[in-house]
Amino acid sequence: MRIIDFDINSVPTNDKDLVLCLGFYDGLHLGHQKLIKKALAEGYPTGVMTFDIAPAVLLGKKENYSLTSTYDKADFLEEMGVKFLYIMHFEKDTLMVTKDEFIERVLKPLNPRKIFVGADYKFGWGGEGDVNYLSRFFDVEVVELEKVDNLKISSKKIRQLVEEGKVDKAATLLGRPYRISGLVVEGRGNGRKINFPTANLELNYTYVFPKEGVYMGYAYFLNRKRKAMICVGTHPTLNQLLKPIIEVHIIDFNEVLYGREIYVDFVSYIRPVIEFPSFEDLRLQLLKDEEKTKNTLQ
């Protein structure tokens, strides 16, 4: 897949067949996947155009936390078969672009033979442009919003579920477990003292943070997939921190991963993080958590 970065003053031109999907696509959930699969079914090279930051962030409507980084999106889209990822740098000047300017300065140079959008797609200053207006200028296919159990799939709903620790429910809307990635950095080594070494993650993106607690899931590193226990919290029993961090105990693994990037999938919530009377009490609980993780995950 080819990745093309640009801004409003340096839009690339295209003179070949291209089917284009428009949207921010945070999470690349089942609704997004449905739209992109329809575009791929056209049989022409398919591109996705997104922004490097959600417009709502610059408008102050939401905090700068997302379900997927740009790199996550690139990985997922390449797996789907998308050929081009257009990433438009979004800044305050871009907010002022009208619907007609967006069409003239961005979409016409990209020259798509067909555009795919969700039914709620908006563009231009103040969201003044909609799918009906876009259809005046291009061949547009509008994909209706997807539902699961009569619940509309939306990035907002998934973010809410993750923040509530309901990662299993979030997975049903995402079509896969909620995933974050980060660099393994050196911690205080407290986990190793009780025979539960952890990989401390320094996140490389402003991900939506799951609710504090212990989770079961998978860690991916060095082309391996391993069962893992994931702790989101301030580890109150072992030198409590001021803000929560993410620590990953990779089951039946005791090698050093400092400086490595790993991916972590959250499968399900096990229990809250609490302060234990002693390190030994904590160790005994972690043994139970580990056994549960081993027996539950495939």
Protein backbone atom coordinates (compact mmCIF):
# COMPACT_ATOMS: atom_id res chain seq x y z
CA MET A 1 0.00 0.00 0.00
CA ARG A 2 1.22 3.47 -0.85
CA ILE A 3 0.84 6.19 1.81
CA ILE A 4 0.54 9.79 0.59
CA ASP A 5 0.82 12.65 3.09
CA PHE A 6 -0.38 16.09 2.02
CA ASP A 7 -2.05 19.30 3.15
CA ILE A 8 -4.58 21.67 1.63
CA ASN A 9 -1.81 23.47 -0.30
CA SER A 10 -0.12 20.37 -1.70
CA VAL A 11 -2.90 18.03 -2.85
CA PRO A 12 -1.61 15.23 -5.10
CA THR A 13 -3.10 14.78 -8.56
CA ASN A 14 -4.30 11.48 -9.96
CA ASP A 15 -4.90 10.48 -13.59
CA LYS A 16 -5.64 6.77 -13.08
CA ASP A 17 -8.74 4.82 -12.09
CA LEU A 18 -9.37 5.26 -8.39
CA VAL A 19 -12.24 4.40 -6.07
CA LEU A 20 -12.05 6.63 -3.01
CA CYS A 21 -13.44 6.19 0.54
CA LEU A 22 -13.82 9.33 2.64
CA GLY A 23 -13.92 9.58 6.44
CA PHE A 24 -11.83 9.67 9.61
CA TYR A 25 -12.41 5.95 10.28
CA ASP A 26 -11.38 5.90 13.93
CA GLY A 27 -11.25 2.27 14.99
CA LEU A 28 -11.90 0.93 11.49
CA HIS A 29 -14.90 -0.83 12.98
CA LEU A 30 -17.36 -3.19 11.24
CA GLY A 31 -19.28 -0.28 9.70
CA HIS A 32 -16.10 1.16 8.19
CA GLN A 33 -15.06 -2.29 7.00
CA LYS A 34 -18.43 -2.79 5.28
CA LEU A 35 -17.97 0.47 3.37
CA ILE A 36 -14.39 -0.26 2.35
CA LYS A 37 -15.27 -3.81 1.22
CA LYS A 38 -17.98 -2.39 -1.03
CA ALA A 39 -15.41 -0.06 -2.55
CA LEU A 40 -12.93 -2.91 -3.06
CA ALA A 41 -15.65 -4.92 -4.81
CA GLU A 42 -15.69 -2.33 -7.62
CA GLY A 43 -12.56 -4.00 -8.93
CA TYR A 44 -10.48 -0.82 -9.26
CA PRO A 45 -7.56 0.35 -7.12
CA THR A 46 -9.09 1.61 -3.88
CA GLY A 47 -7.90 4.51 -1.77
CA VAL A 48 -8.91 5.78 1.64
CA MET A 49 -8.63 9.48 2.42
CA THR A 50 -8.48 10.43 6.09
CA PHE A 51 -7.02 13.10 8.35
CA ASP A 52 -4.07 12.94 10.72
CA ILE A 53 -6.27 14.36 13.49
CA ALA A 54 -10.02 14.32 14.01
CA PRO A 55 -11.60 17.66 12.97
CA ALA A 56 -13.66 17.56 16.18
CA VAL A 57 -10.43 17.86 18.18
CA LEU A 58 -9.53 21.19 16.57
CA LEU A 59 -13.09 22.32 17.09
CA GLY A 60 -12.75 21.50 20.78
CA LYS A 61 -15.62 19.00 20.64
CA LYS A 62 -13.57 16.06 21.87
CA GLU A 63 -10.22 15.25 23.44
CA ASN A 64 -7.37 14.04 21.28
CA TYR A 65 -7.79 10.35 22.10
CA SER A 66 -8.53 7.80 19.41
CA LEU A 67 -9.03 4.06 19.02
CA THR A 68 -6.50 3.71 16.23
CA SER A 69 -3.33 5.57 15.33
CA THR A 70 -2.59 6.43 11.72
CA TYR A 71 -0.12 3.53 11.66
CA ASP A 72 -2.78 1.13 12.99
CA LYS A 73 -5.12 2.26 10.22
CA ALA A 74 -2.42 1.71 7.63
CA ASP A 75 -1.80 -1.86 8.86
CA PHE A 76 -5.50 -2.78 8.90
CA LEU A 77 -6.21 -1.16 5.51
CA GLU A 78 -3.27 -2.89 3.85
CA GLU A 79 -4.56 -6.24 5.17
CA MET A 80 -7.92 -5.45 3.56
CA GLY A 81 -6.36 -4.79 0.17
CA VAL A 82 -6.47 -0.98 0.01
CA LYS A 83 -3.84 0.35 -2.42
CA PHE A 84 -3.61 4.01 -1.39
CA LEU A 85 -3.89 5.79 1.95
CA TYR A 86 -4.22 9.55 1.60
CA ILE A 87 -3.49 11.31 4.89
CA MET A 88 -4.44 14.98 4.87
CA HIS A 89 -2.81 17.16 7.50
CA PHE A 90 -5.64 18.88 9.33
CA GLU A 91 -5.06 22.25 10.97
CA LYS A 92 -7.00 25.40 11.74
CA ASP A 93 -6.69 26.70 8.16
CA THR A 94 -8.28 23.49 6.93
CA LEU A 95 -11.27 24.12 9.15
CA MET A 96 -12.05 27.26 7.14
CA VAL A 97 -12.25 25.41 3.81
CA THR A 98 -15.79 25.55 2.42
CA LYS A 99 -17.58 22.59 0.90
CA ASP A 100 -16.93 23.95 -2.61
CA GLU A 101 -13.24 24.57 -1.88
CA PHE A 102 -12.90 21.01 -0.56
CA ILE A 103 -14.39 19.67 -3.79
CA GLU A 104 -12.29 21.92 -6.05
CA ARG A 105 -8.98 21.84 -4.17
CA VAL A 106 -8.97 18.30 -2.77
CA LEU A 107 -11.38 15.91 -4.46
CA LYS A 108 -11.13 17.03 -8.08
CA PRO A 109 -7.32 16.71 -8.18
CA LEU A 110 -7.67 13.19 -6.75
CA ASN A 111 -10.09 12.52 -9.62
CA PRO A 112 -11.96 9.49 -8.24
CA ARG A 113 -14.17 7.55 -10.63
CA LYS A 114 -16.41 6.78 -7.65
CA ILE A 115 -16.63 7.83 -4.00
CA PHE A 116 -17.89 5.76 -1.06
CA VAL A 117 -19.11 7.47 2.11
CA GLY A 118 -21.23 6.71 5.15
CA ALA A 119 -24.76 8.10 5.33
CA ASP A 120 -23.71 10.66 7.94
CA TYR A 121 -20.67 11.98 6.05
CA LYS A 122 -20.13 15.75 6.28
CA PHE A 123 -17.43 17.99 4.84
CA GLY A 124 -16.44 21.64 4.55
CA TRP A 125 -16.67 24.48 7.06
CA GLY A 126 -19.20 23.68 9.74
CA GLY A 127 -20.07 20.37 8.04
CA GLU A 128 -22.08 22.30 5.45
CA GLY A 129 -21.50 19.67 2.78
CA ASP A 130 -23.34 16.34 2.86
CA VAL A 131 -23.73 13.27 0.69
CA ASN A 132 -26.47 14.87 -1.42
CA TYR A 133 -24.28 17.86 -2.25
CA LEU A 134 -21.29 15.60 -2.98
CA SER A 135 -23.44 13.63 -5.45
CA ARG A 136 -23.79 16.70 -7.65
CA PHE A 137 -20.13 16.43 -8.60
CA PHE A 138 -19.18 12.75 -8.34
CA ASP A 139 -20.57 9.26 -8.65
CA VAL A 140 -21.24 8.61 -4.96
CA GLU A 141 -22.36 5.44 -3.21
CA VAL A 142 -23.76 6.02 0.25
CA VAL A 143 -23.38 3.09 2.64
CA GLU A 144 -25.96 2.91 5.40
CA LEU A 145 -24.78 2.75 9.01
CA GLU A 146 -24.17 -0.75 10.33
CA LYS A 147 -25.87 -2.15 13.42
CA VAL A 148 -25.15 -5.00 15.82
CA ASP A 149 -28.05 -6.16 18.02
CA ASN A 150 -29.99 -3.05 16.94
CA LEU A 151 -27.13 -0.85 18.20
CA LYS A 152 -25.66 1.58 15.70
CA ILE A 153 -21.94 1.02 15.39
CA SER A 154 -20.04 4.22 16.02
CA SER A 155 -16.52 5.15 17.08
CA LYS A 156 -18.02 7.20 19.91
CA LYS A 157 -19.85 4.17 21.32
CA ILE A 158 -16.74 2.00 21.07
CA ARG A 159 -14.64 4.60 22.87
CA GLN A 160 -17.24 4.64 25.65
CA LEU A 161 -17.15 0.85 25.98
CA VAL A 162 -13.34 0.81 26.18
CA GLU A 163 -13.36 3.51 28.85
CA GLU A 164 -15.85 1.41 30.84
CA GLY A 165 -13.63 -1.67 30.59
CA LYS A 166 -16.14 -3.47 28.38
CA VAL A 167 -13.49 -4.47 25.86
CA ASP A 168 -15.32 -7.68 24.91
CA LYS A 169 -18.38 -5.65 23.84
CA ALA A 170 -16.13 -3.18 22.05
CA ALA A 171 -14.66 -6.11 20.11
CA THR A 172 -18.10 -7.10 18.78
CA LEU A 173 -18.38 -3.65 17.16
CA LEU A 174 -14.76 -3.45 16.05
CA GLY A 175 -14.75 -6.92 14.55
CA ARG A 176 -11.54 -7.66 16.50
CA PRO A 177 -10.12 -6.99 19.98
CA TYR A 178 -9.22 -3.44 20.96
CA ARG A 179 -5.51 -2.99 20.23
CA ILE A 180 -2.81 -0.57 21.34
CA SER A 181 0.88 -0.50 20.57
CA GLY A 182 3.87 0.93 22.37
CA LEU A 183 7.55 0.71 23.12
CA VAL A 184 8.75 -1.49 25.98
CA VAL A 185 10.66 0.69 28.43
CA GLU A 186 12.46 -0.08 31.65
CA GLY A 187 10.32 0.10 34.78
CA ARG A 188 11.08 -0.34 38.47
CA GLY A 189 11.31 -4.12 38.30
CA ASN A 190 8.73 -4.64 41.05
CA GLY A 191 6.89 -7.34 39.11
CA ARG A 192 10.03 -9.39 38.74
CA LYS A 193 10.50 -9.35 42.52
CA ILE A 194 7.32 -11.43 42.91
CA ASN A 195 8.02 -13.58 39.81
CA PHE A 196 5.63 -11.64 37.57
CA PRO A 197 7.85 -9.61 35.23
CA THR A 198 6.03 -7.05 33.11
CA ALA A 199 6.69 -5.14 29.92
CA ASN A 200 6.01 -1.48 30.66
CA LEU A 201 4.50 0.23 27.64
CA GLU A 202 5.33 3.73 26.54
CA LEU A 203 2.46 4.41 24.16
CA ASN A 204 3.33 5.87 20.78
CA TYR A 205 -0.10 7.44 20.33
CA THR A 206 -2.86 9.09 22.37
CA TYR A 207 -5.02 5.98 22.55
CA VAL A 208 -8.31 5.79 24.39
CA PHE A 209 -7.29 4.39 27.78
CA PRO A 210 -9.22 1.37 29.04
CA LYS A 211 -10.73 1.51 32.51
CA GLU A 212 -8.23 0.71 35.26
CA GLY A 213 -8.12 -3.00 35.90
CA VAL A 214 -6.56 -6.33 35.00
CA TYR A 215 -7.38 -7.79 31.59
CA MET A 216 -6.59 -10.94 29.68
CA GLY A 217 -5.41 -10.63 26.11
CA TYR A 218 -2.60 -11.24 23.67
CA ALA A 219 0.80 -9.65 23.10
CA TYR A 220 2.42 -9.59 19.65
CA PHE A 221 6.18 -9.17 19.28
CA LEU A 222 9.04 -10.61 17.23
CA ASN A 223 6.45 -12.30 14.98
CA ARG A 224 5.01 -14.12 17.98
CA LYS A 225 1.57 -14.12 19.60
CA ARG A 226 1.46 -14.93 23.30
CA LYS A 227 -1.20 -15.01 26.00
CA ALA A 228 -0.88 -12.08 28.36
CA MET A 229 -2.27 -10.38 31.44
CA ILE A 230 -2.56 -6.62 31.00
CA CYS A 231 -2.72 -4.26 33.96
CA VAL A 232 -4.00 -0.72 33.55
CA GLY A 233 -3.44 1.12 36.80
CA THR A 234 -1.18 2.74 39.36
CA HIS A 235 -0.15 -0.56 41.09
CA PRO A 236 -1.15 0.66 44.58
CA THR A 237 0.49 -2.29 46.37
CA LEU A 238 3.90 -1.65 44.77
CA ASN A 239 4.88 2.03 44.98
CA GLN A 240 1.68 3.72 43.83
CA LEU A 241 1.99 6.04 40.84
CA LEU A 242 0.23 9.34 40.22
CA LYS A 243 -1.35 8.24 36.94
CA PRO A 244 -2.14 4.84 35.41
CA ILE A 245 0.27 3.02 33.16
CA ILE A 246 -0.05 -0.16 31.07
CA GLU A 247 2.00 -3.19 32.08
CA VAL A 248 1.94 -6.50 30.24
CA HIS A 249 2.81 -9.83 31.81
CA ILE A 250 3.49 -12.23 28.96
CA ILE A 251 2.70 -15.73 30.17
CA ASP A 252 5.50 -18.32 30.11
CA PHE A 253 7.96 -15.75 28.78
CA ASN A 254 10.94 -14.29 30.60
CA GLU A 255 13.08 -12.60 27.94
CA VAL A 256 14.04 -8.91 27.85
CA LEU A 257 12.03 -6.79 25.39
CA TYR A 258 13.39 -3.31 26.15
CA GLY A 259 13.32 -1.12 23.06
CA ARG A 260 10.92 -3.42 21.22
CA GLU A 261 7.54 -2.32 19.96
CA ILE A 262 4.71 -4.65 20.91
CA TYR A 263 0.99 -4.78 20.14
CA VAL A 264 -1.50 -5.70 22.83
CA ASP A 265 -5.06 -6.95 22.27
CA PHE A 266 -7.53 -6.54 25.15
CA VAL A 267 -9.85 -9.56 25.18
CA SER A 268 -11.76 -9.28 28.46
CA TYR A 269 -11.76 -7.62 31.87
CA ILE A 270 -10.76 -9.82 34.81
CA ARG A 271 -10.97 -7.64 37.92
CA PRO A 272 -10.35 -4.16 39.34
CA VAL A 273 -6.95 -3.02 40.56
CA ILE A 274 -6.93 -2.93 44.38
CA GLU A 275 -4.38 -2.48 47.12
CA PHE A 276 -3.42 -5.81 48.70
CA PRO A 277 -2.30 -6.20 52.36
CA SER A 278 1.08 -7.57 51.24
CA PHE A 279 3.20 -8.47 48.21
CA GLU A 280 2.42 -12.13 48.91
CA ASP A 281 -1.32 -11.51 48.72
CA LEU A 282 -0.79 -9.74 45.41
CA ARG A 283 1.35 -12.62 44.12
CA LEU A 284 -1.32 -15.19 45.03
CA GLN A 285 -4.01 -13.17 43.22
CA LEU A 286 -1.81 -12.83 40.15
CA LEU A 287 -1.40 -16.61 40.12
CA LYS A 288 -5.19 -16.93 39.99
CA ASP A 289 -5.39 -14.31 37.22
CA GLU A 290 -2.71 -16.14 35.26
CA GLU A 291 -4.46 -19.49 35.59
CA LYS A 292 -7.75 -17.96 34.47
CA THR A 293 -6.05 -16.37 31.47
CA LYS A 294 -4.35 -19.62 30.48
CA ASN A 295 -7.58 -21.60 30.70
CA THR A 296 -9.79 -19.05 28.96
CA LEU A 297 -7.75 -17.97 25.96
CA GLN A 298 -7.19 -20.31 23.06
